[in-house]
């Protein structure tokens, strides 16, 4: 559980409810039915719940990388997220 990169169409807007609140997991069904060839942009989601966006939509990985850096993410975590497509929200090291 933590964060993950979700491929979305350019300009994708995460679904909201009647009050304008972001719907957790609201992206799953629309993206399931979207032509995979159009999923050319990137958005970071938290996946502790069903998933809500925590970033804008970016057209390139470089733009996403720069945004993460500006948001204060450390380089090691950015590289892990970009390499693996997800990153845990907490890593705890146990003492031997």
PDB file of N, CA and C in Angstrom:
ATOM      1  N   UNK A   1       0.836  -1.177   0.000  1.00  0.00           N
ATOM      2  CA  UNK A   1       0.000   0.000   0.000  1.00  0.00           C
ATOM      3  C   UNK A   1       0.882   1.241   0.000  1.00  0.00           C
ATOM      4  N   UNK A   2       0.450   2.248  -0.709  1.00  0.00           N
ATOM      5  CA  UNK A   2       1.211   3.473  -0.783  1.00  0.00           C
ATOM      6  C   UNK A   2       0.775   4.309  -1.959  1.00  0.00           C
ATOM      7  N   UNK A   3       1.671   4.414  -2.938  1.00  0.00           N
ATOM      8  CA  UNK A   3       1.371   5.188  -4.137  1.00  0.00           C
ATOM      9  C   UNK A   3       1.669   4.349  -5.368  1.00  0.00           C
ATOM     10  N   UNK A   4       0.990   4.685  -6.451  1.00  0.00           N
ATOM     11  CA  UNK A   4       1.253   3.987  -7.704  1.00  0.00           C
ATOM     12  C   UNK A   4       1.041   4.947  -8.861  1.00  0.00           C
ATOM     13  N   UNK A   5       1.735   4.670  -9.953  1.00  0.00           N
ATOM     14  CA  UNK A   5       1.553   5.432 -11.180  1.00  0.00           C
ATOM     15  C   UNK A   5       0.466   4.745 -11.991  1.00  0.00           C
ATOM     16  N   UNK A   6      -0.525   5.512 -12.404  1.00  0.00           N
ATOM     17  CA  UNK A   6      -1.622   4.994 -13.220  1.00  0.00           C
ATOM     18  C   UNK A   6      -1.535   5.648 -14.590  1.00  0.00           C
ATOM     19  N   UNK A   7      -1.597   4.830 -15.631  1.00  0.00           N
ATOM     20  CA  UNK A   7      -1.628   5.360 -17.000  1.00  0.00           C
ATOM     21  C   UNK A   7      -3.048   5.818 -17.299  1.00  0.00           C
ATOM     22  N   UNK A   8      -3.168   7.057 -17.744  1.00  0.00           N
ATOM     23  CA  UNK A   8      -4.469   7.666 -18.021  1.00  0.00           C
ATOM     24  C   UNK A   8      -4.425   8.355 -19.376  1.00  0.00           C
ATOM     25  N   UNK A   9      -5.590   8.658 -19.960  1.00  0.00           N
ATOM     26  CA  UNK A   9      -5.584   9.421 -21.211  1.00  0.00           C
ATOM     27  C   UNK A   9      -5.191  10.872 -20.932  1.00  0.00           C
ATOM     28  N   UNK A  10      -4.635  11.575 -21.907  1.00  0.00           N
ATOM     29  CA  UNK A  10      -4.320  12.995 -21.713  1.00  0.00           C
ATOM     30  C   UNK A  10      -5.569  13.753 -21.251  1.00  0.00           C
ATOM     31  N   UNK A  11      -5.386  14.620 -20.262  1.00  0.00           N
ATOM     32  CA  UNK A  11      -6.494  15.428 -19.767  1.00  0.00           C
ATOM     33  C   UNK A  11      -7.500  14.681 -18.911  1.00  0.00           C
ATOM     34  N   UNK A  12      -7.171  13.467 -18.485  1.00  0.00           N
ATOM     35  CA  UNK A  12      -8.091  12.662 -17.677  1.00  0.00           C
ATOM     36  C   UNK A  12      -8.505  13.415 -16.420  1.00  0.00           C
ATOM     37  N   UNK A  13      -9.784  13.334 -16.108  1.00  0.00           N
ATOM     38  CA  UNK A  13     -10.323  13.924 -14.887  1.00  0.00           C
ATOM     39  C   UNK A  13     -10.931  12.802 -14.055  1.00  0.00           C
ATOM     40  N   UNK A  14     -10.406  12.631 -12.855  1.00  0.00           N
ATOM     41  CA  UNK A  14     -10.912  11.595 -11.954  1.00  0.00           C
ATOM     42  C   UNK A  14     -12.378  11.890 -11.632  1.00  0.00           C
ATOM     43  N   UNK A  15     -13.234  10.875 -11.645  1.00  0.00           N
ATOM     44  CA  UNK A  15     -14.658  11.084 -11.357  1.00  0.00           C
ATOM     45  C   UNK A  15     -14.905  11.668  -9.960  1.00  0.00           C
ATOM     46  N   UNK A  16     -15.925  12.511  -9.879  1.00  0.00           N
ATOM     47  CA  UNK A  16     -16.346  13.112  -8.611  1.00  0.00           C
ATOM     48  C   UNK A  16     -17.826  12.802  -8.386  1.00  0.00           C
ATOM     49  N   UNK A  17     -18.257  12.904  -7.130  1.00  0.00           N
ATOM     50  CA  UNK A  17     -19.666  12.653  -6.815  1.00  0.00           C
ATOM     51  C   UNK A  17     -20.499  13.919  -7.016  1.00  0.00           C
ATOM     52  N   UNK A  18     -21.765  13.868  -6.597  1.00  0.00           N
ATOM     53  CA  UNK A  18     -22.686  14.988  -6.796  1.00  0.00           C
ATOM     54  C   UNK A  18     -22.220  16.267  -6.106  1.00  0.00           C
ATOM     55  N   UNK A  19     -21.471  16.127  -5.006  1.00  0.00           N
ATOM     56  CA  UNK A  19     -20.969  17.297  -4.276  1.00  0.00           C
ATOM     57  C   UNK A  19     -19.608  17.764  -4.782  1.00  0.00           C
ATOM     58  N   UNK A  20     -19.088  17.097  -5.798  1.00  0.00           N
ATOM     59  CA  UNK A  20     -17.788  17.476  -6.341  1.00  0.00           C
ATOM     60  C   UNK A  20     -16.609  16.850  -5.624  1.00  0.00           C
ATOM     61  N   UNK A  21     -16.878  15.895  -4.731  1.00  0.00           N
ATOM     62  CA  UNK A  21     -15.813  15.216  -3.998  1.00  0.00           C
ATOM     63  C   UNK A  21     -15.254  14.069  -4.837  1.00  0.00           C
ATOM     64  N   UNK A  22     -13.940  13.904  -4.785  1.00  0.00           N
ATOM     65  CA  UNK A  22     -13.283  12.820  -5.515  1.00  0.00           C
ATOM     66  C   UNK A  22     -13.799  11.483  -4.997  1.00  0.00           C
ATOM     67  N   UNK A  23     -14.150  10.608  -5.912  1.00  0.00           N
ATOM     68  CA  UNK A  23     -14.655   9.283  -5.557  1.00  0.00           C
ATOM     69  C   UNK A  23     -13.491   8.284  -5.523  1.00  0.00           C
ATOM     70  N   UNK A  24     -13.222   7.731  -4.339  1.00  0.00           N
ATOM     71  CA  UNK A  24     -12.162   6.727  -4.221  1.00  0.00           C
ATOM     72  C   UNK A  24     -12.471   5.568  -5.156  1.00  0.00           C
ATOM     73  N   UNK A  25     -11.518   5.214  -5.982  1.00  0.00           N
ATOM     74  CA  UNK A  25     -11.686   4.120  -6.927  1.00  0.00           C
ATOM     75  C   UNK A  25     -12.516   4.469  -8.147  1.00  0.00           C
ATOM     76  N   UNK A  26     -12.923   5.724  -8.260  1.00  0.00           N
ATOM     77  CA  UNK A  26     -13.770   6.144  -9.365  1.00  0.00           C
ATOM     78  C   UNK A  26     -13.120   6.043 -10.727  1.00  0.00           C
ATOM     79  N   UNK A  27     -11.817   5.921 -10.754  1.00  0.00           N
ATOM     80  CA  UNK A  27     -11.086   5.835 -12.024  1.00  0.00           C
ATOM     81  C   UNK A  27     -11.058   4.422 -12.603  1.00  0.00           C
ATOM     82  N   UNK A  28     -11.309   3.429 -11.770  1.00  0.00           N
ATOM     83  CA  UNK A  28     -11.102   2.046 -12.196  1.00  0.00           C
ATOM     84  C   UNK A  28     -11.989   1.640 -13.371  1.00  0.00           C
ATOM     85  N   UNK A  29     -13.280   1.878 -13.277  1.00  0.00           N
ATOM     86  CA  UNK A  29     -14.177   1.465 -14.358  1.00  0.00           C
ATOM     87  C   UNK A  29     -13.939   2.254 -15.645  1.00  0.00           C
ATOM     88  N   UNK A  30     -13.869   3.605 -15.590  1.00  0.00           N
ATOM     89  CA  UNK A  30     -13.631   4.326 -16.848  1.00  0.00           C
ATOM     90  C   UNK A  30     -12.327   3.917 -17.531  1.00  0.00           C
ATOM     91  N   UNK A  31     -11.270   3.694 -16.756  1.00  0.00           N
ATOM     92  CA  UNK A  31      -9.991   3.321 -17.361  1.00  0.00           C
ATOM     93  C   UNK A  31     -10.024   1.894 -17.896  1.00  0.00           C
ATOM     94  N   UNK A  32     -10.806   1.028 -17.269  1.00  0.00           N
ATOM     95  CA  UNK A  32     -10.930  -0.354 -17.737  1.00  0.00           C
ATOM     96  C   UNK A  32     -11.487  -0.388 -19.157  1.00  0.00           C
ATOM     97  N   UNK A  33     -12.428   0.507 -19.440  1.00  0.00           N
ATOM     98  CA  UNK A  33     -13.079   0.525 -20.748  1.00  0.00           C
ATOM     99  C   UNK A  33     -12.402   1.462 -21.748  1.00  0.00           C
ATOM    100  N   UNK A  34     -11.295   2.065 -21.375  1.00  0.00           N
ATOM    101  CA  UNK A  34     -10.572   2.976 -22.262  1.00  0.00           C
ATOM    102  C   UNK A  34      -9.611   2.189 -23.141  1.00  0.00           C
ATOM    103  N   UNK A  35      -9.521   2.570 -24.393  1.00  0.00           N
ATOM    104  CA  UNK A  35      -8.580   1.939 -25.325  1.00  0.00           C
ATOM    105  C   UNK A  35      -7.165   2.065 -24.757  1.00  0.00           C
ATOM    106  N   UNK A  36      -6.472   0.957 -24.520  1.00  0.00           N
ATOM    107  CA  UNK A  36      -5.128   1.012 -23.947  1.00  0.00           C
ATOM    108  C   UNK A  36      -4.167   1.921 -24.713  1.00  0.00           C
ATOM    109  N   UNK A  37      -4.344   2.042 -26.016  1.00  0.00           N
ATOM    110  CA  UNK A  37      -3.458   2.903 -26.809  1.00  0.00           C
ATOM    111  C   UNK A  37      -3.589   4.371 -26.426  1.00  0.00           C
ATOM    112  N   UNK A  38      -4.714   4.752 -25.820  1.00  0.00           N
ATOM    113  CA  UNK A  38      -4.899   6.158 -25.446  1.00  0.00           C
ATOM    114  C   UNK A  38      -4.401   6.459 -24.035  1.00  0.00           C
ATOM    115  N   UNK A  39      -3.941   5.448 -23.312  1.00  0.00           N
ATOM    116  CA  UNK A  39      -3.439   5.647 -21.948  1.00  0.00           C
ATOM    117  C   UNK A  39      -1.974   6.073 -22.004  1.00  0.00           C
ATOM    118  N   UNK A  40      -1.747   7.280 -22.476  1.00  0.00           N
ATOM    119  CA  UNK A  40      -0.383   7.741 -22.741  1.00  0.00           C
ATOM    120  C   UNK A  40       0.141   8.734 -21.715  1.00  0.00           C
ATOM    121  N   UNK A  41      -0.669   9.106 -20.732  1.00  0.00           N
ATOM    122  CA  UNK A  41      -0.241  10.062 -19.713  1.00  0.00           C
ATOM    123  C   UNK A  41      -0.101   9.357 -18.371  1.00  0.00           C
ATOM    124  N   UNK A  42       0.386  10.088 -17.382  1.00  0.00           N
ATOM    125  CA  UNK A  42       0.716   9.511 -16.079  1.00  0.00           C
ATOM    126  C   UNK A  42       0.068  10.317 -14.964  1.00  0.00           C
ATOM    127  N   UNK A  43      -0.436   9.616 -13.947  1.00  0.00           N
ATOM    128  CA  UNK A  43      -0.975  10.269 -12.763  1.00  0.00           C
ATOM    129  C   UNK A  43      -0.643   9.399 -11.559  1.00  0.00           C
ATOM    130  N   UNK A  44      -0.266  10.034 -10.449  1.00  0.00           N
ATOM    131  CA  UNK A  44       0.065   9.296  -9.236  1.00  0.00           C
ATOM    132  C   UNK A  44      -1.193   9.198  -8.371  1.00  0.00           C
ATOM    133  N   UNK A  45      -1.461   7.992  -7.905  1.00  0.00           N
ATOM    134  CA  UNK A  45      -2.604   7.707  -7.041  1.00  0.00           C
ATOM    135  C   UNK A  45      -2.118   7.130  -5.726  1.00  0.00           C
ATOM    136  N   UNK A  46      -2.854   7.437  -4.647  1.00  0.00           N
ATOM    137  CA  UNK A  46      -2.625   6.694  -3.408  1.00  0.00           C
ATOM    138  C   UNK A  46      -3.453   5.430  -3.546  1.00  0.00           C
ATOM    139  N   UNK A  47      -2.921   4.334  -3.052  1.00  0.00           N
ATOM    140  CA  UNK A  47      -3.668   3.080  -3.161  1.00  0.00           C
ATOM    141  C   UNK A  47      -3.885   2.426  -1.804  1.00  0.00           C
ATOM    142  N   UNK A  48      -3.902   3.254  -0.755  1.00  0.00           N
ATOM    143  CA  UNK A  48      -4.217   2.742   0.575  1.00  0.00           C
ATOM    144  C   UNK A  48      -5.707   2.431   0.634  1.00  0.00           C
ATOM    145  N   UNK A  49      -6.518   3.284  -0.002  1.00  0.00           N
ATOM    146  CA  UNK A  49      -7.951   3.005  -0.159  1.00  0.00           C
ATOM    147  C   UNK A  49      -8.141   2.429  -1.563  1.00  0.00           C
ATOM    148  N   UNK A  50      -9.270   2.680  -2.167  1.00  0.00           N
ATOM    149  CA  UNK A  50      -9.490   2.228  -3.545  1.00  0.00           C
ATOM    150  C   UNK A  50      -8.742   3.083  -4.552  1.00  0.00           C
ATOM    151  N   UNK A  51      -8.159   4.175  -4.104  1.00  0.00           N
ATOM    152  CA  UNK A  51      -7.343   5.000  -4.976  1.00  0.00           C
ATOM    153  C   UNK A  51      -7.944   6.355  -5.289  1.00  0.00           C
ATOM    154  N   UNK A  52      -7.176   7.387  -4.943  1.00  0.00           N
ATOM    155  CA  UNK A  52      -7.524   8.754  -5.315  1.00  0.00           C
ATOM    156  C   UNK A  52      -6.267   9.422  -5.850  1.00  0.00           C
ATOM    157  N   UNK A  53      -6.420  10.362  -6.774  1.00  0.00           N
ATOM    158  CA  UNK A  53      -5.247  10.999  -7.362  1.00  0.00           C
ATOM    159  C   UNK A  53      -4.558  11.922  -6.369  1.00  0.00           C
ATOM    160  N   UNK A  54      -3.227  11.907  -6.405  1.00  0.00           N
ATOM    161  CA  UNK A  54      -2.457  12.836  -5.577  1.00  0.00           C
ATOM    162  C   UNK A  54      -1.571  13.723  -6.441  1.00  0.00           C
ATOM    163  N   UNK A  55      -1.718  13.611  -7.752  1.00  0.00           N
ATOM    164  CA  UNK A  55      -0.941  14.463  -8.659  1.00  0.00           C
ATOM    165  C   UNK A  55      -1.819  14.894  -9.820  1.00  0.00           C
ATOM    166  N   UNK A  56      -1.377  15.925 -10.521  1.00  0.00           N
ATOM    167  CA  UNK A  56      -2.016  16.245 -11.802  1.00  0.00           C
ATOM    168  C   UNK A  56      -1.668  15.157 -12.820  1.00  0.00           C
ATOM    169  N   UNK A  57      -2.231  15.254 -13.999  1.00  0.00           N
ATOM    170  CA  UNK A  57      -1.906  14.354 -15.110  1.00  0.00           C
ATOM    171  C   UNK A  57      -0.699  14.930 -15.843  1.00  0.00           C
ATOM    172  N   UNK A  58       0.277  14.069 -16.149  1.00  0.00           N
ATOM    173  CA  UNK A  58       1.485  14.490 -16.858  1.00  0.00           C
ATOM    174  C   UNK A  58       1.609  13.737 -18.166  1.00  0.00           C
ATOM    175  N   UNK A  59       2.065  14.437 -19.184  1.00  0.00           N
ATOM    176  CA  UNK A  59       2.235  13.806 -20.495  1.00  0.00           C
ATOM    177  C   UNK A  59       3.509  12.983 -20.580  1.00  0.00           C
ATOM    178  N   UNK A  60       4.518  13.325 -19.770  1.00  0.00           N
ATOM    179  CA  UNK A  60       5.791  12.605 -19.829  1.00  0.00           C
ATOM    180  C   UNK A  60       6.261  12.209 -18.433  1.00  0.00           C
ATOM    181  N   UNK A  61       7.108  11.194 -18.393  1.00  0.00           N
ATOM    182  CA  UNK A  61       7.724  10.770 -17.136  1.00  0.00           C
ATOM    183  C   UNK A  61       8.620  11.879 -16.598  1.00  0.00           C
ATOM    184  N   UNK A  62       9.288  12.614 -17.485  1.00  0.00           N
ATOM    185  CA  UNK A  62      10.147  13.715 -17.041  1.00  0.00           C
ATOM    186  C   UNK A  62       9.345  14.784 -16.307  1.00  0.00           C
ATOM    187  N   UNK A  63       8.151  15.110 -16.818  1.00  0.00           N
ATOM    188  CA  UNK A  63       7.293  16.084 -16.135  1.00  0.00           C
ATOM    189  C   UNK A  63       6.868  15.557 -14.771  1.00  0.00           C
ATOM    190  N   UNK A  64       6.527  14.277 -14.694  1.00  0.00           N
ATOM    191  CA  UNK A  64       6.151  13.658 -13.425  1.00  0.00           C
ATOM    192  C   UNK A  64       7.327  13.699 -12.454  1.00  0.00           C
ATOM    193  N   UNK A  65       8.511  13.351 -12.933  1.00  0.00           N
ATOM    194  CA  UNK A  65       9.717  13.377 -12.102  1.00  0.00           C
ATOM    195  C   UNK A  65       9.936  14.771 -11.519  1.00  0.00           C
ATOM    196  N   UNK A  66       9.830  15.788 -12.338  1.00  0.00           N
ATOM    197  CA  UNK A  66      10.046  17.166 -11.881  1.00  0.00           C
ATOM    198  C   UNK A  66       9.002  17.556 -10.841  1.00  0.00           C
ATOM    199  N   UNK A  67       7.753  17.189 -11.046  1.00  0.00           N
ATOM    200  CA  UNK A  67       6.699  17.513 -10.083  1.00  0.00           C
ATOM    201  C   UNK A  67       6.976  16.828  -8.738  1.00  0.00           C
ATOM    202  N   UNK A  68       7.348  15.558  -8.773  1.00  0.00           N
ATOM    203  CA  UNK A  68       7.662  14.840  -7.537  1.00  0.00           C
ATOM    204  C   UNK A  68       8.810  15.520  -6.796  1.00  0.00           C
ATOM    205  N   UNK A  69       9.833  15.930  -7.537  1.00  0.00           N
ATOM    206  CA  UNK A  69      10.969  16.621  -6.926  1.00  0.00           C
ATOM    207  C   UNK A  69      10.510  17.919  -6.270  1.00  0.00           C
ATOM    208  N   UNK A  70       9.695  18.698  -6.976  1.00  0.00           N
ATOM    209  CA  UNK A  70       9.197  19.967  -6.438  1.00  0.00           C
ATOM    210  C   UNK A  70       8.287  19.762  -5.230  1.00  0.00           C
ATOM    211  N   UNK A  71       7.633  18.605  -5.170  1.00  0.00           N
ATOM    212  CA  UNK A  71       6.764  18.291  -4.035  1.00  0.00           C
ATOM    213  C   UNK A  71       7.555  17.799  -2.820  1.00  0.00           C
ATOM    214  N   UNK A  72       8.876  17.658  -2.966  1.00  0.00           N
ATOM    215  CA  UNK A  72       9.717  17.285  -1.842  1.00  0.00           C
ATOM    216  C   UNK A  72      10.027  15.804  -1.710  1.00  0.00           C
ATOM    217  N   UNK A  73       9.698  15.017  -2.733  1.00  0.00           N
ATOM    218  CA  UNK A  73      10.043  13.594  -2.692  1.00  0.00           C
ATOM    219  C   UNK A  73      11.560  13.461  -2.814  1.00  0.00           C
ATOM    220  N   UNK A  74      12.159  12.551  -2.046  1.00  0.00           N
ATOM    221  CA  UNK A  74      13.601  12.344  -2.172  1.00  0.00           C
ATOM    222  C   UNK A  74      13.886  11.519  -3.429  1.00  0.00           C
ATOM    223  N   UNK A  75      15.091  11.687  -3.953  1.00  0.00           N
ATOM    224  CA  UNK A  75      15.460  11.087  -5.238  1.00  0.00           C
ATOM    225  C   UNK A  75      15.354   9.560  -5.222  1.00  0.00           C
ATOM    226  N   UNK A  76      15.716   8.939  -4.117  1.00  0.00           N
ATOM    227  CA  UNK A  76      15.648   7.471  -4.036  1.00  0.00           C
ATOM    228  C   UNK A  76      14.202   6.978  -4.187  1.00  0.00           C
ATOM    229  N   UNK A  77      13.272   7.654  -3.538  1.00  0.00           N
ATOM    230  CA  UNK A  77      11.863   7.270  -3.630  1.00  0.00           C
ATOM    231  C   UNK A  77      11.315   7.532  -5.026  1.00  0.00           C
ATOM    232  N   UNK A  78      11.702   8.662  -5.622  1.00  0.00           N
ATOM    233  CA  UNK A  78      11.271   8.974  -6.992  1.00  0.00           C
ATOM    234  C   UNK A  78      11.739   7.880  -7.942  1.00  0.00           C
ATOM    235  N   UNK A  79      13.007   7.511  -7.846  1.00  0.00           N
ATOM    236  CA  UNK A  79      13.551   6.484  -8.735  1.00  0.00           C
ATOM    237  C   UNK A  79      12.839   5.143  -8.532  1.00  0.00           C
ATOM    238  N   UNK A  80      12.550   4.807  -7.275  1.00  0.00           N
ATOM    239  CA  UNK A  80      11.836   3.557  -6.999  1.00  0.00           C
ATOM    240  C   UNK A  80      10.450   3.593  -7.638  1.00  0.00           C
ATOM    241  N   UNK A  81       9.723   4.695  -7.428  1.00  0.00           N
ATOM    242  CA  UNK A  81       8.377   4.827  -7.988  1.00  0.00           C
ATOM    243  C   UNK A  81       8.398   4.746  -9.509  1.00  0.00           C
ATOM    244  N   UNK A  82       9.323   5.452 -10.142  1.00  0.00           N
ATOM    245  CA  UNK A  82       9.376   5.463 -11.600  1.00  0.00           C
ATOM    246  C   UNK A  82       9.837   4.126 -12.174  1.00  0.00           C
ATOM    247  N   UNK A  83      10.683   3.411 -11.454  1.00  0.00           N
ATOM    248  CA  UNK A  83      11.167   2.110 -11.914  1.00  0.00           C
ATOM    249  C   UNK A  83      10.120   1.012 -11.740  1.00  0.00           C
ATOM    250  N   UNK A  84       9.458   1.013 -10.587  1.00  0.00           N
ATOM    251  CA  UNK A  84       8.547  -0.082 -10.243  1.00  0.00           C
ATOM    252  C   UNK A  84       7.070   0.242 -10.469  1.00  0.00           C
ATOM    253  N   UNK A  85       6.753   1.518 -10.626  1.00  0.00           N
ATOM    254  CA  UNK A  85       5.361   1.910 -10.839  1.00  0.00           C
ATOM    255  C   UNK A  85       4.563   2.066  -9.563  1.00  0.00           C
ATOM    256  N   UNK A  86       5.189   1.777  -8.428  1.00  0.00           N
ATOM    257  CA  UNK A  86       4.528   1.917  -7.131  1.00  0.00           C
ATOM    258  C   UNK A  86       5.598   2.126  -6.069  1.00  0.00           C
ATOM    259  N   UNK A  87       5.189   2.644  -4.926  1.00  0.00           N
ATOM    260  CA  UNK A  87       6.105   2.815  -3.806  1.00  0.00           C
ATOM    261  C   UNK A  87       5.303   2.681  -2.515  1.00  0.00           C
ATOM    262  N   UNK A  88       5.857   1.988  -1.526  1.00  0.00           N
ATOM    263  CA  UNK A  88       5.147   1.857  -0.253  1.00  0.00           C
ATOM    264  C   UNK A  88       5.103   3.195   0.473  1.00  0.00           C
ATOM    265  N   UNK A  89       4.080   3.361   1.316  1.00  0.00           N
ATOM    266  CA  UNK A  89       3.974   4.608   2.062  1.00  0.00           C
ATOM    267  C   UNK A  89       4.843   4.588   3.310  1.00  0.00           C
ATOM    268  N   UNK A  90       5.214   3.409   3.769  1.00  0.00           N
ATOM    269  CA  UNK A  90       6.038   3.307   4.967  1.00  0.00           C
ATOM    270  C   UNK A  90       6.890   2.052   4.873  1.00  0.00           C
ATOM    271  N   UNK A  91       8.158   2.225   5.132  1.00  0.00           N
ATOM    272  CA  UNK A  91       9.055   1.074   5.230  1.00  0.00           C
ATOM    273  C   UNK A  91       9.642   1.111   6.626  1.00  0.00           C
ATOM    274  N   UNK A  92       9.507   0.033   7.327  1.00  0.00           N
ATOM    275  CA  UNK A  92      10.030  -0.035   8.684  1.00  0.00           C
ATOM    276  C   UNK A  92      11.107  -1.106   8.717  1.00  0.00           C
ATOM    277  N   UNK A  93      12.276  -0.715   9.187  1.00  0.00           N
ATOM    278  CA  UNK A  93      13.373  -1.666   9.313  1.00  0.00           C
ATOM    279  C   UNK A  93      13.343  -2.260  10.715  1.00  0.00           C
ATOM    280  N   UNK A  94      13.319  -3.577  10.771  1.00  0.00           N
ATOM    281  CA  UNK A  94      13.332  -4.263  12.053  1.00  0.00           C
ATOM    282  C   UNK A  94      14.768  -4.501  12.473  1.00  0.00           C
ATOM    283  N   UNK A  95      15.008  -4.348  13.721  1.00  0.00           N
ATOM    284  CA  UNK A  95      16.360  -4.591  14.231  1.00  0.00           C
ATOM    285  C   UNK A  95      16.586  -6.090  14.362  1.00  0.00           C
ATOM    286  N   UNK A  96      17.790  -6.542  13.987  1.00  0.00           N
ATOM    287  CA  UNK A  96      18.070  -7.984  14.098  1.00  0.00           C
ATOM    288  C   UNK A  96      18.154  -8.455  15.534  1.00  0.00           C
TER     289      UNK A  96
END
